[in-house]
Amino acid sequence: MIKGVNKQVVEINETGNEYFEKAIFFVRPEYSRMGEGRLREKAKNAIDKASSPPKRKGKGTVRSLSNTLKLLAAAVGGGTITALILLLAK
């Protein structure tokens, strides 16, 4: 942990991420009395959370199913209209 002029800083040198080699966190004043180990743990958790892909919400499956049903209804409707036109043309 590094103490700057006005801020307390936590520097993580091994991020575990192939893109970033170092992360620097500026500690909020209300948490500056927290132990170094706890601050490093919180910093590592923030790195892990930021480097993992965002979680997908279940809406994607519902939206996909809804779109599929709409397309199916449109196809059935189009087929019905085509069949009626062909029957009336005879």
Protein backbone atom coordinates (compact mmCIF):
# COMPACT_ATOMS: atom_id res chain seq x y z
CA MET A 1 0.00 0.00 0.00
CA ILE A 2 1.27 3.47 -0.89
CA LYS A 3 0.38 6.67 0.90
CA GLY A 4 0.25 9.67 -1.40
CA VAL A 5 0.11 13.30 -0.41
CA ASN A 6 -3.67 13.36 0.06
CA LYS A 7 -4.76 9.86 -0.88
CA GLN A 8 -4.08 6.30 0.15
CA VAL A 9 -3.37 4.10 -2.87
CA VAL A 10 -3.46 0.32 -3.40
CA GLU A 11 -1.35 -0.91 -6.32
CA ILE A 12 -1.88 -4.41 -7.73
CA ASN A 13 1.04 -5.53 -9.90
CA GLU A 14 -0.29 -8.94 -10.94
CA THR A 15 -3.85 -8.51 -12.18
CA GLY A 16 -4.21 -11.99 -13.67
CA ASN A 17 -5.48 -10.34 -16.85
CA GLU A 18 -3.60 -10.71 -20.12
CA TYR A 19 -4.36 -7.12 -21.14
CA PHE A 20 -3.42 -5.25 -17.97
CA GLU A 21 -0.24 -5.62 -15.97
CA LYS A 22 -1.01 -3.19 -13.14
CA ALA A 23 -4.04 -1.66 -11.42
CA ILE A 24 -4.04 1.35 -9.12
CA PHE A 25 -6.90 2.02 -6.69
CA PHE A 26 -7.40 5.25 -4.78
CA VAL A 27 -8.90 4.47 -1.38
CA ARG A 28 -11.80 6.59 -0.16
CA PRO A 29 -10.96 8.48 3.02
CA GLU A 30 -13.63 6.68 5.09
CA TYR A 31 -11.94 3.32 4.34
CA SER A 32 -8.32 4.45 4.74
CA ARG A 33 -8.07 2.92 8.22
CA MET A 34 -9.00 -0.54 6.91
CA GLY A 35 -6.14 -3.03 6.94
CA GLU A 36 -3.88 -3.42 3.93
CA GLY A 37 -4.82 -7.07 3.44
CA ARG A 38 -8.54 -6.29 3.37
CA LEU A 39 -8.01 -3.40 0.91
CA ARG A 40 -5.93 -5.63 -1.36
CA GLU A 41 -8.65 -8.30 -1.20
CA LYS A 42 -11.30 -5.73 -2.18
CA ALA A 43 -9.08 -4.47 -5.01
CA LYS A 44 -8.53 -8.00 -6.32
CA ASN A 45 -12.30 -8.65 -6.21
CA ALA A 46 -12.89 -5.47 -8.22
CA ILE A 47 -10.33 -6.62 -10.80
CA ASP A 48 -11.92 -10.07 -11.05
CA LYS A 49 -15.38 -8.56 -11.43
CA ALA A 50 -14.24 -6.08 -14.08
CA SER A 51 -12.37 -8.67 -16.14
CA SER A 52 -15.17 -11.24 -16.31
CA PRO A 53 -17.83 -10.90 -19.02
CA PRO A 54 -21.11 -9.40 -17.87
CA LYS A 55 -23.77 -11.86 -16.81
CA ARG A 56 -26.61 -12.25 -19.27
CA LYS A 57 -30.03 -11.80 -17.91
CA GLY A 58 -32.74 -14.35 -18.74
CA LYS A 59 -34.50 -11.89 -21.04
CA GLY A 60 -32.48 -13.05 -24.07
CA THR A 61 -34.17 -16.44 -24.15
CA VAL A 62 -37.65 -14.99 -23.71
CA ARG A 63 -37.04 -12.36 -26.40
CA SER A 64 -35.67 -15.00 -28.78
CA LEU A 65 -38.69 -17.25 -28.22
CA SER A 66 -41.05 -14.30 -28.72
CA ASN A 67 -39.36 -13.36 -32.00
CA THR A 68 -39.49 -16.97 -33.18
CA LEU A 69 -43.22 -17.20 -32.46
CA LYS A 70 -43.86 -13.92 -34.31
CA LEU A 71 -41.98 -15.18 -37.37
CA LEU A 72 -43.85 -18.48 -37.25
CA ALA A 73 -47.21 -16.67 -37.04
CA ALA A 74 -46.24 -14.48 -40.01
CA ALA A 75 -45.24 -17.55 -42.04
CA VAL A 76 -48.50 -19.34 -41.23
CA GLY A 77 -50.48 -16.21 -42.11
CA GLY A 78 -48.63 -15.79 -45.40
CA GLY A 79 -49.12 -19.45 -46.27
CA THR A 80 -52.83 -19.22 -45.50
CA ILE A 81 -53.28 -16.16 -47.71
CA THR A 82 -51.33 -17.80 -50.53
CA ALA A 83 -53.47 -20.97 -50.27
CA LEU A 84 -56.68 -18.91 -50.38
CA ILE A 85 -55.50 -16.99 -53.44
CA LEU A 86 -54.60 -20.23 -55.24
CA LEU A 87 -57.98 -21.79 -54.36
CA LEU A 88 -59.92 -18.77 -55.58
CA ALA A 89 -57.89 -18.59 -58.81
CA LYS A 90 -59.03 -22.07 -59.89
